[in-house]
Amino acid sequence: MPESSKFAIPDMNAIVGSHDIVFVTLDTLRYDVAQALFEAGELPVLGRFLPATGWDQRHSPATFTYAAHQAFFAGFLPTPAAPGRHPRLFASAFAGSETTSPRAFAFAEASIPEALAARGYRTICIGGVGFFNQQTALGRVLPALFQESHWSAAMGVAGRHSTEKQVALATRLLAENARRTFLFINVAALHAPNRAYLPGCRFDNLDSHAAALRYVDGALAPLFAACAARAPTFAIVCSDHGSAYGEDGYRGHRVAHDRVWNVPYAHFFIPSPPPHSQGAAP
């Protein structure tokens, strides 16, 4: 199967068991905004891990958070925005799959968190938007896939410092022990309302969307530093869907518009500490 992507498919069967895995979804982030900030040099943290051409443009499997994450956790991450059969990193086993390559980590369980837990991983969910808040029956569905789930209002869409709170919790949990870990974080800061990240802004717009991404980029730095100090890590960072800000009369998401379907995607390795470093996983 051809790889129509900036990112080569690593052998996930070699990664699972030997690496921590960190999956960060930048909820509602548009591809065009993410790429423009990368090209302007305004993503100094995430930009260190991206190729010279920036983010991979991909299509989300859904137009809103709940449906997109149900697909993600079953192995259907955003698909390269080009024709072809694109091999996947993870693949829940089922007959007739045409995108399960030998390099994919195939599993019999219903989801990636459950599959990794069955292989000895500690699985952690740090929620952001309402579908992860555990306050309702629906808000408990996705967190229930993990052994540990965390959420607070300060980490939600109304929390001005939400990403910092999420990262602080993540770094503390990573430091607790050296067990292989699958850490998932749903970053809420980009989701409406994001106008608080742009002083004087009264209504969410593309500029406040970009300002929120600048904030998130800086707030993620301690997470990547903690990963680098702890263990070899494979990271996936992407959006679950975009959001319209008036294009063709549309606003928001859960609509079939290009600005909603097109999302930024990246996966990369965070180098492990030297052998003599403390805290490295065995």
C-alpha atoms as a PDB file:
ATOM      1  CA  MET A   1       0.000   0.000   0.000  1.00  0.00           C
ATOM      2  CA  PRO A   2       1.413   3.431  -0.876  1.00  0.00           C
ATOM      3  CA  GLU A   3       2.158   5.989   1.814  1.00  0.00           C
ATOM      4  CA  SER A   4       0.712   9.349   0.683  1.00  0.00           C
ATOM      5  CA  SER A   5       1.883  11.197   3.781  1.00  0.00           C
ATOM      6  CA  LYS A   6       4.792  13.206   5.140  1.00  0.00           C
ATOM      7  CA  PHE A   7       5.082  10.606   7.875  1.00  0.00           C
ATOM      8  CA  ALA A   8       6.407   7.122   7.188  1.00  0.00           C
ATOM      9  CA  ILE A   9       4.616   4.293   8.959  1.00  0.00           C
ATOM     10  CA  PRO A  10       6.898   2.859  11.639  1.00  0.00           C
ATOM     11  CA  ASP A  11       6.697  -0.767  12.713  1.00  0.00           C
ATOM     12  CA  MET A  12       4.123  -0.413  15.462  1.00  0.00           C
ATOM     13  CA  ASN A  13       4.686  -4.006  16.554  1.00  0.00           C
ATOM     14  CA  ALA A  14       8.193  -2.990  17.616  1.00  0.00           C
ATOM     15  CA  ILE A  15       6.966   0.182  19.317  1.00  0.00           C
ATOM     16  CA  VAL A  16       4.256  -1.442  21.421  1.00  0.00           C
ATOM     17  CA  GLY A  17       5.956  -2.841  24.501  1.00  0.00           C
ATOM     18  CA  SER A  18       9.193  -0.894  24.056  1.00  0.00           C
ATOM     19  CA  HIS A  19       7.854   2.689  24.110  1.00  0.00           C
ATOM     20  CA  ASP A  20       5.459   4.844  26.027  1.00  0.00           C
ATOM     21  CA  ILE A  21       2.715   6.065  23.703  1.00  0.00           C
ATOM     22  CA  VAL A  22       1.309   9.591  24.024  1.00  0.00           C
ATOM     23  CA  PHE A  23      -1.762  10.598  22.025  1.00  0.00           C
ATOM     24  CA  VAL A  24      -2.786  14.264  22.099  1.00  0.00           C
ATOM     25  CA  THR A  25      -5.885  15.520  20.309  1.00  0.00           C
ATOM     26  CA  LEU A  26      -6.023  19.279  19.767  1.00  0.00           C
ATOM     27  CA  ASP A  27      -9.790  19.513  19.823  1.00  0.00           C
ATOM     28  CA  THR A  28     -11.314  21.586  16.988  1.00  0.00           C
ATOM     29  CA  LEU A  29      -7.976  22.680  15.473  1.00  0.00           C
ATOM     30  CA  ARG A  30      -8.179  23.583  11.775  1.00  0.00           C
ATOM     31  CA  TYR A  31      -5.462  22.433   9.387  1.00  0.00           C
ATOM     32  CA  ASP A  32      -5.091  25.799   7.660  1.00  0.00           C
ATOM     33  CA  VAL A  33      -4.543  27.663  10.928  1.00  0.00           C
ATOM     34  CA  ALA A  34      -2.102  25.073  12.263  1.00  0.00           C
ATOM     35  CA  GLN A  35      -0.070  25.092   9.051  1.00  0.00           C
ATOM     36  CA  ALA A  36      -0.031  28.904   8.814  1.00  0.00           C
ATOM     37  CA  LEU A  37       1.350  29.197  12.342  1.00  0.00           C
ATOM     38  CA  PHE A  38       3.985  26.552  11.611  1.00  0.00           C
ATOM     39  CA  GLU A  39       5.106  28.364   8.452  1.00  0.00           C
ATOM     40  CA  ALA A  40       5.292  31.653  10.379  1.00  0.00           C
ATOM     41  CA  GLY A  41       7.544  30.038  12.989  1.00  0.00           C
ATOM     42  CA  GLU A  42       4.959  30.524  15.728  1.00  0.00           C
ATOM     43  CA  LEU A  43       4.915  26.927  16.993  1.00  0.00           C
ATOM     44  CA  PRO A  44       8.360  26.633  18.584  1.00  0.00           C
ATOM     45  CA  VAL A  45       7.480  23.570  20.674  1.00  0.00           C
ATOM     46  CA  LEU A  46       5.461  21.438  18.245  1.00  0.00           C
ATOM     47  CA  GLY A  47       7.531  22.727  15.335  1.00  0.00           C
ATOM     48  CA  ARG A  48      10.610  20.929  16.678  1.00  0.00           C
ATOM     49  CA  PHE A  49       8.952  17.617  15.918  1.00  0.00           C
ATOM     50  CA  LEU A  50       7.439  18.443  12.520  1.00  0.00           C
ATOM     51  CA  PRO A  51       9.191  17.971   9.166  1.00  0.00           C
ATOM     52  CA  ALA A  52      10.370  21.002   7.206  1.00  0.00           C
ATOM     53  CA  THR A  53       7.060  21.116   5.340  1.00  0.00           C
ATOM     54  CA  GLY A  54       4.964  21.127   8.507  1.00  0.00           C
ATOM     55  CA  TRP A  55       1.796  19.277   9.423  1.00  0.00           C
ATOM     56  CA  ASP A  56       0.304  16.461   7.390  1.00  0.00           C
ATOM     57  CA  GLN A  57      -3.093  17.431   5.984  1.00  0.00           C
ATOM     58  CA  ARG A  58      -5.565  14.675   6.747  1.00  0.00           C
ATOM     59  CA  HIS A  59      -9.277  13.957   6.744  1.00  0.00           C
ATOM     60  CA  SER A  60     -10.988  13.299  10.035  1.00  0.00           C
ATOM     61  CA  PRO A  61     -13.297  10.259  10.233  1.00  0.00           C
ATOM     62  CA  ALA A  62     -16.000  12.503  11.738  1.00  0.00           C
ATOM     63  CA  THR A  63     -17.108  16.104  12.132  1.00  0.00           C
ATOM     64  CA  PHE A  64     -17.389  16.233  15.923  1.00  0.00           C
ATOM     65  CA  THR A  65     -15.509  15.027  18.966  1.00  0.00           C
ATOM     66  CA  TYR A  66     -17.440  11.974  20.136  1.00  0.00           C
ATOM     67  CA  ALA A  67     -17.655  10.243  16.764  1.00  0.00           C
ATOM     68  CA  ALA A  68     -14.066  11.117  15.820  1.00  0.00           C
ATOM     69  CA  HIS A  69     -12.638   9.690  19.035  1.00  0.00           C
ATOM     70  CA  GLN A  70     -14.692   6.517  18.815  1.00  0.00           C
ATOM     71  CA  ALA A  71     -13.030   6.001  15.431  1.00  0.00           C
ATOM     72  CA  PHE A  72      -9.573   6.998  16.704  1.00  0.00           C
ATOM     73  CA  PHE A  73      -9.650   4.537  19.577  1.00  0.00           C
ATOM     74  CA  ALA A  74     -10.665   1.756  17.166  1.00  0.00           C
ATOM     75  CA  GLY A  75      -7.558   2.507  15.077  1.00  0.00           C
ATOM     76  CA  PHE A  76      -9.039   4.867  12.490  1.00  0.00           C
ATOM     77  CA  LEU A  77      -6.829   7.922  12.901  1.00  0.00           C
ATOM     78  CA  PRO A  78      -7.145  10.813  10.420  1.00  0.00           C
ATOM     79  CA  THR A  79      -6.543   9.624   6.846  1.00  0.00           C
ATOM     80  CA  PRO A  80      -4.003  11.322   4.512  1.00  0.00           C
ATOM     81  CA  ALA A  81      -5.850  13.778   2.264  1.00  0.00           C
ATOM     82  CA  ALA A  82      -4.946  12.000  -0.961  1.00  0.00           C
ATOM     83  CA  PRO A  83      -6.459   9.124  -2.940  1.00  0.00           C
ATOM     84  CA  GLY A  84      -5.351   5.613  -2.110  1.00  0.00           C
ATOM     85  CA  ARG A  85      -5.468   2.952   0.567  1.00  0.00           C
ATOM     86  CA  HIS A  86      -3.491   4.333   3.452  1.00  0.00           C
ATOM     87  CA  PRO A  87      -1.926   1.911   5.953  1.00  0.00           C
ATOM     88  CA  ARG A  88      -2.810   2.513   9.584  1.00  0.00           C
ATOM     89  CA  LEU A  89      -0.741   2.541  12.766  1.00  0.00           C
ATOM     90  CA  PHE A  90      -3.317   0.586  14.752  1.00  0.00           C
ATOM     91  CA  ALA A  91      -5.913  -1.820  13.461  1.00  0.00           C
ATOM     92  CA  SER A  92      -8.704  -3.521  15.353  1.00  0.00           C
ATOM     93  CA  ALA A  93      -8.915  -6.939  13.747  1.00  0.00           C
ATOM     94  CA  PHE A  94     -11.894  -7.534  11.491  1.00  0.00           C
ATOM     95  CA  ALA A  95     -12.392  -9.398   8.246  1.00  0.00           C
ATOM     96  CA  GLY A  96     -11.942  -7.489   5.015  1.00  0.00           C
ATOM     97  CA  SER A  97      -9.765  -4.624   6.261  1.00  0.00           C
ATOM     98  CA  GLU A  98      -7.783  -3.198   3.333  1.00  0.00           C
ATOM     99  CA  THR A  99      -5.603  -0.842   5.369  1.00  0.00           C
ATOM    100  CA  THR A 100      -4.086  -3.279   7.871  1.00  0.00           C
ATOM    101  CA  SER A 101      -0.450  -3.619   6.873  1.00  0.00           C
ATOM    102  CA  PRO A 102       2.217  -5.851   8.467  1.00  0.00           C
ATOM    103  CA  ARG A 103       3.568  -2.751  10.223  1.00  0.00           C
ATOM    104  CA  ALA A 104       0.248  -2.017  11.934  1.00  0.00           C
ATOM    105  CA  PHE A 105      -0.321  -3.081  15.510  1.00  0.00           C
ATOM    106  CA  ALA A 106      -3.375  -5.316  15.056  1.00  0.00           C
ATOM    107  CA  PHE A 107      -5.451  -6.241  18.091  1.00  0.00           C
ATOM    108  CA  ALA A 108      -8.511  -8.310  18.900  1.00  0.00           C
ATOM    109  CA  GLU A 109      -9.807  -5.939  21.560  1.00  0.00           C
ATOM    110  CA  ALA A 110     -12.389  -3.290  20.701  1.00  0.00           C
ATOM    111  CA  SER A 111     -10.115  -0.303  21.315  1.00  0.00           C
ATOM    112  CA  ILE A 112      -6.491   0.810  21.499  1.00  0.00           C
ATOM    113  CA  PRO A 113      -6.622   1.577  25.257  1.00  0.00           C
ATOM    114  CA  GLU A 114      -8.031  -1.871  26.003  1.00  0.00           C
ATOM    115  CA  ALA A 115      -5.507  -3.559  23.712  1.00  0.00           C
ATOM    116  CA  LEU A 116      -2.548  -1.775  25.309  1.00  0.00           C
ATOM    117  CA  ALA A 117      -3.837  -2.470  28.822  1.00  0.00           C
ATOM    118  CA  ALA A 118      -3.969  -6.161  27.932  1.00  0.00           C
ATOM    119  CA  ARG A 119      -0.274  -5.925  27.053  1.00  0.00           C
ATOM    120  CA  GLY A 120       0.760  -4.420  30.357  1.00  0.00           C
ATOM    121  CA  TYR A 121       0.356  -0.702  29.703  1.00  0.00           C
ATOM    122  CA  ARG A 122      -0.987   1.724  32.245  1.00  0.00           C
ATOM    123  CA  THR A 123      -3.697   3.610  30.336  1.00  0.00           C
ATOM    124  CA  ILE A 124      -4.537   7.193  31.312  1.00  0.00           C
ATOM    125  CA  CYS A 125      -7.159   9.583  29.949  1.00  0.00           C
ATOM    126  CA  ILE A 126      -6.939  13.302  30.741  1.00  0.00           C
ATOM    127  CA  GLY A 127     -10.139  14.825  29.447  1.00  0.00           C
ATOM    128  CA  GLY A 128     -10.908  18.249  28.101  1.00  0.00           C
ATOM    129  CA  VAL A 129     -14.221  18.858  26.317  1.00  0.00           C
ATOM    130  CA  GLY A 130     -17.574  17.650  27.609  1.00  0.00           C
ATOM    131  CA  PHE A 131     -17.419  14.193  26.076  1.00  0.00           C
ATOM    132  CA  PHE A 132     -14.656  13.388  28.597  1.00  0.00           C
ATOM    133  CA  ASN A 133     -16.035  15.129  31.689  1.00  0.00           C
ATOM    134  CA  GLN A 134     -17.562  12.020  33.334  1.00  0.00           C
ATOM    135  CA  GLN A 135     -20.476  14.197  34.495  1.00  0.00           C
ATOM    136  CA  THR A 136     -23.090  12.383  32.389  1.00  0.00           C
ATOM    137  CA  ALA A 137     -23.614   8.890  31.025  1.00  0.00           C
ATOM    138  CA  LEU A 138     -22.357  10.047  27.616  1.00  0.00           C
ATOM    139  CA  GLY A 139     -19.399  11.827  29.205  1.00  0.00           C
ATOM    140  CA  ARG A 140     -18.299   8.528  30.747  1.00  0.00           C
ATOM    141  CA  VAL A 141     -18.290   6.395  27.586  1.00  0.00           C
ATOM    142  CA  LEU A 142     -14.867   7.362  26.220  1.00  0.00           C
ATOM    143  CA  PRO A 143     -13.098   7.682  29.600  1.00  0.00           C
ATOM    144  CA  ALA A 144     -14.341   4.191  30.510  1.00  0.00           C
ATOM    145  CA  LEU A 145     -12.008   2.727  27.878  1.00  0.00           C
ATOM    146  CA  PHE A 146      -9.060   3.637  30.141  1.00  0.00           C
ATOM    147  CA  GLN A 147      -7.836   2.278  33.454  1.00  0.00           C
ATOM    148  CA  GLU A 148      -7.568   5.832  34.820  1.00  0.00           C
ATOM    149  CA  SER A 149      -9.580   8.876  33.799  1.00  0.00           C
ATOM    150  CA  HIS A 150      -9.198  12.461  34.976  1.00  0.00           C
ATOM    151  CA  TRP A 151     -11.150  15.660  34.376  1.00  0.00           C
ATOM    152  CA  SER A 152     -11.922  18.920  36.161  1.00  0.00           C
ATOM    153  CA  ALA A 153     -13.664  22.126  35.168  1.00  0.00           C
ATOM    154  CA  ALA A 154     -10.270  23.841  35.130  1.00  0.00           C
ATOM    155  CA  MET A 155      -9.215  21.451  32.357  1.00  0.00           C
ATOM    156  CA  GLY A 156     -12.393  22.026  30.344  1.00  0.00           C
ATOM    157  CA  VAL A 157     -13.416  24.485  27.659  1.00  0.00           C
ATOM    158  CA  ALA A 158     -14.005  27.310  30.143  1.00  0.00           C
ATOM    159  CA  GLY A 159     -10.617  26.940  31.826  1.00  0.00           C
ATOM    160  CA  ARG A 160      -8.330  29.760  30.686  1.00  0.00           C
ATOM    161  CA  HIS A 161      -5.264  27.752  31.746  1.00  0.00           C
ATOM    162  CA  SER A 162      -6.683  24.352  30.847  1.00  0.00           C
ATOM    163  CA  THR A 163      -3.720  22.973  28.907  1.00  0.00           C
ATOM    164  CA  GLU A 164      -1.292  23.926  31.657  1.00  0.00           C
ATOM    165  CA  LYS A 165      -3.516  22.084  34.162  1.00  0.00           C
ATOM    166  CA  GLN A 166      -3.701  19.017  31.930  1.00  0.00           C
ATOM    167  CA  VAL A 167       0.047  18.944  31.356  1.00  0.00           C
ATOM    168  CA  ALA A 168       0.830  19.416  35.050  1.00  0.00           C
ATOM    169  CA  LEU A 169      -1.355  16.422  35.872  1.00  0.00           C
ATOM    170  CA  ALA A 170       0.151  14.376  33.049  1.00  0.00           C
ATOM    171  CA  THR A 171       3.727  15.014  34.148  1.00  0.00           C
ATOM    172  CA  ARG A 172       2.854  14.063  37.729  1.00  0.00           C
ATOM    173  CA  LEU A 173       1.215  10.819  36.629  1.00  0.00           C
ATOM    174  CA  LEU A 174       4.140   9.945  34.352  1.00  0.00           C
ATOM    175  CA  ALA A 175       6.537  10.411  37.262  1.00  0.00           C
ATOM    176  CA  GLU A 176       4.678   8.008  39.543  1.00  0.00           C
ATOM    177  CA  ASN A 177       6.310   4.863  38.196  1.00  0.00           C
ATOM    178  CA  ALA A 178       8.298   3.464  35.301  1.00  0.00           C
ATOM    179  CA  ARG A 179       5.564   1.209  33.928  1.00  0.00           C
ATOM    180  CA  ARG A 180       4.942   1.483  30.196  1.00  0.00           C
ATOM    181  CA  THR A 181       2.177   4.033  29.737  1.00  0.00           C
ATOM    182  CA  PHE A 182      -0.423   4.995  27.152  1.00  0.00           C
ATOM    183  CA  LEU A 183      -1.303   8.610  27.900  1.00  0.00           C
ATOM    184  CA  PHE A 184      -4.186  10.311  26.111  1.00  0.00           C
ATOM    185  CA  ILE A 185      -4.928  14.036  26.455  1.00  0.00           C
ATOM    186  CA  ASN A 186      -7.864  15.816  24.852  1.00  0.00           C
ATOM    187  CA  VAL A 187      -6.818  19.483  24.706  1.00  0.00           C
ATOM    188  CA  ALA A 188      -9.854  21.732  25.153  1.00  0.00           C
ATOM    189  CA  ALA A 189      -8.315  25.198  24.762  1.00  0.00           C
ATOM    190  CA  LEU A 190      -8.997  25.558  21.028  1.00  0.00           C
ATOM    191  CA  HIS A 191     -12.664  24.702  21.399  1.00  0.00           C
ATOM    192  CA  ALA A 192     -15.173  27.515  21.709  1.00  0.00           C
ATOM    193  CA  PRO A 193     -15.011  29.798  23.575  1.00  0.00           C
ATOM    194  CA  ASN A 194     -11.412  30.615  22.631  1.00  0.00           C
ATOM    195  CA  ARG A 195     -11.671  34.426  22.536  1.00  0.00           C
ATOM    196  CA  ALA A 196     -10.057  34.689  25.991  1.00  0.00           C
ATOM    197  CA  TYR A 197      -6.689  33.918  24.375  1.00  0.00           C
ATOM    198  CA  LEU A 198      -6.842  37.127  22.314  1.00  0.00           C
ATOM    199  CA  PRO A 199      -7.023  40.261  24.486  1.00  0.00           C
ATOM    200  CA  GLY A 200      -9.934  42.482  23.561  1.00  0.00           C
ATOM    201  CA  CYS A 201     -11.613  39.842  21.399  1.00  0.00           C
ATOM    202  CA  ARG A 202     -15.400  39.749  21.885  1.00  0.00           C
ATOM    203  CA  PHE A 203     -16.309  36.896  19.516  1.00  0.00           C
ATOM    204  CA  ASP A 204     -14.453  33.735  18.571  1.00  0.00           C
ATOM    205  CA  ASN A 205     -12.774  34.042  15.182  1.00  0.00           C
ATOM    206  CA  LEU A 206      -9.776  32.734  13.259  1.00  0.00           C
ATOM    207  CA  ASP A 207      -7.439  35.059  15.124  1.00  0.00           C
ATOM    208  CA  SER A 208      -8.572  33.824  18.536  1.00  0.00           C
ATOM    209  CA  HIS A 209      -8.372  30.253  17.230  1.00  0.00           C
ATOM    210  CA  ALA A 210      -4.730  30.911  16.284  1.00  0.00           C
ATOM    211  CA  ALA A 211      -4.040  32.602  19.617  1.00  0.00           C
ATOM    212  CA  ALA A 212      -5.334  29.544  21.438  1.00  0.00           C
ATOM    213  CA  LEU A 213      -2.953  27.345  19.445  1.00  0.00           C
ATOM    214  CA  ARG A 214      -0.008  29.565  20.384  1.00  0.00           C
ATOM    215  CA  TYR A 215      -0.987  29.129  24.023  1.00  0.00           C
ATOM    216  CA  VAL A 216      -1.314  25.353  23.650  1.00  0.00           C
ATOM    217  CA  ASP A 217       2.051  25.082  21.932  1.00  0.00           C
ATOM    218  CA  GLY A 218       3.852  26.693  24.844  1.00  0.00           C
ATOM    219  CA  ALA A 219       1.860  24.771  27.439  1.00  0.00           C
ATOM    220  CA  LEU A 220       2.842  21.411  25.912  1.00  0.00           C
ATOM    221  CA  ALA A 221       6.579  21.978  26.457  1.00  0.00           C
ATOM    222  CA  PRO A 222       6.727  20.399  29.952  1.00  0.00           C
ATOM    223  CA  LEU A 223       4.909  17.302  28.696  1.00  0.00           C
ATOM    224  CA  PHE A 224       7.452  16.601  25.970  1.00  0.00           C
ATOM    225  CA  ALA A 225      10.297  17.332  28.392  1.00  0.00           C
ATOM    226  CA  ALA A 226       8.846  14.856  30.887  1.00  0.00           C
ATOM    227  CA  CYS A 227       8.561  12.216  28.172  1.00  0.00           C
ATOM    228  CA  ALA A 228      12.159  12.792  27.086  1.00  0.00           C
ATOM    229  CA  ALA A 229      13.386  12.433  30.665  1.00  0.00           C
ATOM    230  CA  ARG A 230      11.374   9.285  31.355  1.00  0.00           C
ATOM    231  CA  ALA A 231      11.371   6.746  28.543  1.00  0.00           C
ATOM    232  CA  PRO A 232      11.427   6.324  24.750  1.00  0.00           C
ATOM    233  CA  THR A 233       8.118   7.712  23.575  1.00  0.00           C
ATOM    234  CA  PHE A 234       6.053   7.539  20.413  1.00  0.00           C
ATOM    235  CA  ALA A 235       3.726  10.536  20.138  1.00  0.00           C
ATOM    236  CA  ILE A 236       0.683  11.207  17.982  1.00  0.00           C
ATOM    237  CA  VAL A 237      -0.642  14.782  17.835  1.00  0.00           C
ATOM    238  CA  CYS A 238      -3.647  15.661  15.702  1.00  0.00           C
ATOM    239  CA  SER A 239      -7.003  17.376  15.604  1.00  0.00           C
ATOM    240  CA  ASP A 240     -10.299  15.534  15.752  1.00  0.00           C
ATOM    241  CA  HIS A 241     -12.092  18.005  13.458  1.00  0.00           C
ATOM    242  CA  GLY A 242     -11.928  21.631  12.433  1.00  0.00           C
ATOM    243  CA  SER A 243     -14.397  24.454  12.898  1.00  0.00           C
ATOM    244  CA  ALA A 244     -16.015  26.929  10.528  1.00  0.00           C
ATOM    245  CA  TYR A 245     -15.897  30.649  11.249  1.00  0.00           C
ATOM    246  CA  GLY A 246     -18.405  31.892   8.708  1.00  0.00           C
ATOM    247  CA  GLU A 247     -17.075  30.216   5.545  1.00  0.00           C
ATOM    248  CA  ASP A 248     -19.969  29.666   3.130  1.00  0.00           C
ATOM    249  CA  GLY A 249     -22.301  30.705   5.932  1.00  0.00           C
ATOM    250  CA  TYR A 250     -21.244  27.897   8.294  1.00  0.00           C
ATOM    251  CA  ARG A 251     -20.138  28.283  11.882  1.00  0.00           C
ATOM    252  CA  GLY A 252     -18.929  25.621  14.260  1.00  0.00           C
ATOM    253  CA  HIS A 253     -18.620  21.940  13.411  1.00  0.00           C
ATOM    254  CA  ARG A 254     -20.785  18.827  12.986  1.00  0.00           C
ATOM    255  CA  VAL A 255     -21.203  19.994   9.390  1.00  0.00           C
ATOM    256  CA  ALA A 256     -19.662  18.567   6.202  1.00  0.00           C
ATOM    257  CA  HIS A 257     -17.425  21.498   5.284  1.00  0.00           C
ATOM    258  CA  ASP A 258     -13.790  21.335   4.162  1.00  0.00           C
ATOM    259  CA  ARG A 259     -12.663  23.459   7.119  1.00  0.00           C
ATOM    260  CA  VAL A 260     -14.174  20.830   9.404  1.00  0.00           C
ATOM    261  CA  TRP A 261     -12.973  17.698   7.576  1.00  0.00           C
ATOM    262  CA  ASN A 262      -9.354  18.835   7.091  1.00  0.00           C
ATOM    263  CA  VAL A 263      -7.192  18.421  10.180  1.00  0.00           C
ATOM    264  CA  PRO A 264      -3.480  18.634  11.036  1.00  0.00           C
ATOM    265  CA  TYR A 265      -1.675  15.421  11.964  1.00  0.00           C
ATOM    266  CA  ALA A 266       1.792  14.388  13.110  1.00  0.00           C
ATOM    267  CA  HIS A 267       3.480  11.405  14.709  1.00  0.00           C
ATOM    268  CA  PHE A 268       7.041  11.376  15.953  1.00  0.00           C
ATOM    269  CA  PHE A 269       9.513   9.864  18.396  1.00  0.00           C
ATOM    270  CA  ILE A 270      10.669  11.641  21.524  1.00  0.00           C
ATOM    271  CA  PRO A 271      14.228  10.439  22.180  1.00  0.00           C
ATOM    272  CA  SER A 272      14.821   8.365  25.289  1.00  0.00           C
ATOM    273  CA  PRO A 273      17.167   9.490  28.057  1.00  0.00           C
ATOM    274  CA  PRO A 274      20.773   8.282  28.110  1.00  0.00           C
ATOM    275  CA  PRO A 275      21.277   4.848  29.725  1.00  0.00           C
ATOM    276  CA  HIS A 276      22.707   6.378  32.925  1.00  0.00           C
ATOM    277  CA  SER A 277      19.716   8.688  33.435  1.00  0.00           C
ATOM    278  CA  GLN A 278      17.380   8.102  36.327  1.00  0.00           C
ATOM    279  CA  GLY A 279      13.744   7.242  35.827  1.00  0.00           C
ATOM    280  CA  ALA A 280      14.039   5.380  32.540  1.00  0.00           C
ATOM    281  CA  ALA A 281      11.577   2.528  32.121  1.00  0.00           C
ATOM    282  CA  PRO A 282      13.177  -0.914  32.127  1.00  0.00           C
END
